[in-house]
Amino acid sequence: MLSPILVASTDASRQLLVMTVEGPLVDPDHMEALRLVLPAVPTGYTLIVDLTEATEFSNDAIDVLRSIARDAAGLGQTMIVVCGHVARRTDLVLADVDTLVPVVAALEDALPLTSAAA
């Protein structure tokens, strides 16, 4: 089974850690890698998970993403999910990910919601 590619980038001036996910999000174990990122997010930074280049989601992988969002909230960490693909963003909203963290269409939409903007 193909695994997604996770690319991390930081923006110190905006206090962001952006995790870009490319490829299929089918195996929930692959999503667990995002959970490992949570403790590494610097204090005061926002974690943005960009799923725009994810090619497909499974319900199990979305369940793990929802759990990671719940963990981020429990840690007091700002997390935002970006997904530019309308159908996949709809899947995230229907799975109630947006009740835990913002789910937006583009990175530009996420910037006003970050910790640095607050």
Protein backbone atom coordinates (compact mmCIF):
# COMPACT_ATOMS: atom_id res chain seq x y z
CA MET A 1 0.00 0.00 0.00
CA LEU A 2 1.27 3.44 -0.88
CA SER A 3 1.90 5.73 2.03
CA PRO A 4 1.49 9.49 2.04
CA ILE A 5 4.41 11.87 1.91
CA LEU A 6 4.59 14.29 4.84
CA VAL A 7 6.53 17.49 4.31
CA ALA A 8 7.12 19.82 7.25
CA SER A 9 7.92 23.50 6.89
CA THR A 10 8.08 26.29 9.40
CA ASP A 11 7.53 30.01 9.28
CA ALA A 12 9.12 31.59 12.34
CA SER A 13 7.77 35.06 11.61
CA ARG A 14 4.18 33.76 11.58
CA GLN A 15 4.85 31.02 14.16
CA LEU A 16 3.58 28.23 11.92
CA LEU A 17 4.42 24.58 11.43
CA VAL A 18 2.84 23.41 8.19
CA MET A 19 2.53 19.68 7.52
CA THR A 20 1.74 19.09 3.87
CA VAL A 21 0.33 15.64 3.13
CA GLU A 22 0.59 14.23 -0.39
CA GLY A 23 -0.83 10.93 -1.58
CA PRO A 24 -3.41 8.54 -0.19
CA LEU A 25 -4.67 8.71 3.38
CA VAL A 26 -6.13 5.25 3.58
CA ASP A 27 -4.18 3.41 6.27
CA PRO A 28 -4.91 4.91 9.70
CA ASP A 29 -1.39 3.98 10.83
CA HIS A 30 -0.02 6.47 8.30
CA MET A 31 -2.01 9.23 9.96
CA GLU A 32 -0.46 8.37 13.31
CA ALA A 33 2.73 10.08 12.10
CA LEU A 34 0.88 13.38 12.50
CA ARG A 35 0.20 12.57 16.15
CA LEU A 36 3.97 12.31 16.67
CA VAL A 37 4.31 15.89 15.42
CA LEU A 38 2.14 17.37 18.18
CA PRO A 39 4.77 17.36 20.95
CA ALA A 40 7.34 18.79 18.52
CA VAL A 41 5.29 21.89 17.66
CA PRO A 42 7.07 24.83 19.31
CA THR A 43 5.16 26.66 22.03
CA GLY A 44 3.01 29.40 20.55
CA TYR A 45 3.09 27.94 17.04
CA THR A 46 0.05 26.87 15.06
CA LEU A 47 0.01 23.44 13.41
CA ILE A 48 -1.50 23.59 9.94
CA VAL A 49 -2.22 20.25 8.30
CA ASP A 50 -2.56 20.82 4.56
CA LEU A 51 -4.46 17.94 2.96
CA THR A 52 -5.00 19.64 -0.40
CA GLU A 53 -2.65 17.19 -2.18
CA ALA A 54 -4.04 14.11 -0.42
CA THR A 55 -5.50 11.93 -3.15
CA GLU A 56 -8.07 10.03 -1.09
CA PHE A 57 -9.26 9.52 2.49
CA SER A 58 -10.55 6.45 4.26
CA ASN A 59 -13.06 6.73 7.09
CA ASP A 60 -10.51 5.14 9.44
CA ALA A 61 -7.86 7.72 8.52
CA ILE A 62 -10.36 10.55 9.09
CA ASP A 63 -11.14 9.03 12.50
CA VAL A 64 -7.45 9.25 13.38
CA LEU A 65 -7.29 12.84 12.14
CA ARG A 66 -10.27 13.68 14.35
CA SER A 67 -8.47 12.06 17.29
CA ILE A 68 -5.32 14.09 16.57
CA ALA A 69 -7.42 17.27 16.45
CA ARG A 70 -8.90 16.33 19.83
CA ASP A 71 -5.38 15.75 21.22
CA ALA A 72 -4.21 19.14 19.90
CA ALA A 73 -7.14 20.85 21.58
CA GLY A 74 -6.36 18.99 24.80
CA LEU A 75 -2.79 20.28 24.65
CA GLY A 76 -4.04 23.83 24.09
CA GLN A 77 -2.46 23.82 20.65
CA THR A 78 -3.97 25.66 17.71
CA MET A 79 -4.47 23.28 14.77
CA ILE A 80 -6.04 24.08 11.42
CA VAL A 81 -6.83 21.68 8.57
CA VAL A 82 -6.57 22.97 5.01
CA CYS A 83 -8.14 21.08 2.13
CA GLY A 84 -8.56 22.71 -1.26
CA HIS A 85 -10.44 19.80 -2.78
CA VAL A 86 -14.17 20.44 -2.27
CA ALA A 87 -15.30 16.80 -2.07
CA ARG A 88 -12.55 15.80 0.38
CA ARG A 89 -13.16 18.93 2.49
CA THR A 90 -16.83 17.95 2.56
CA ASP A 91 -15.82 14.50 3.82
CA LEU A 92 -13.91 16.16 6.68
CA VAL A 93 -16.88 18.36 7.58
CA LEU A 94 -19.32 15.45 7.42
CA ALA A 95 -16.96 13.55 9.76
CA ASP A 96 -17.18 16.50 12.21
CA VAL A 97 -13.48 17.36 12.06
CA ASP A 98 -14.59 21.00 11.84
CA THR A 99 -16.20 20.75 15.28
CA LEU A 100 -12.72 20.26 16.76
CA VAL A 101 -10.50 22.45 14.57
CA PRO A 102 -11.13 24.85 11.70
CA VAL A 103 -11.30 23.22 8.26
CA VAL A 104 -10.61 25.76 5.53
CA ALA A 105 -10.19 25.77 1.75
CA ALA A 106 -6.76 27.42 1.43
CA LEU A 107 -3.67 28.29 3.41
CA GLU A 108 -4.57 31.97 3.01
CA ASP A 109 -7.84 31.25 4.83
CA ALA A 110 -5.93 29.65 7.71
CA LEU A 111 -3.54 32.54 8.40
CA PRO A 112 -6.07 34.81 10.16
CA LEU A 113 -6.95 31.90 12.49
CA THR A 114 -3.40 31.23 13.68
CA SER A 115 -2.02 31.86 17.15
CA ALA A 116 0.20 34.65 15.80
CA ALA A 117 -2.84 36.46 14.40
CA ALA A 118 -4.64 36.31 17.75
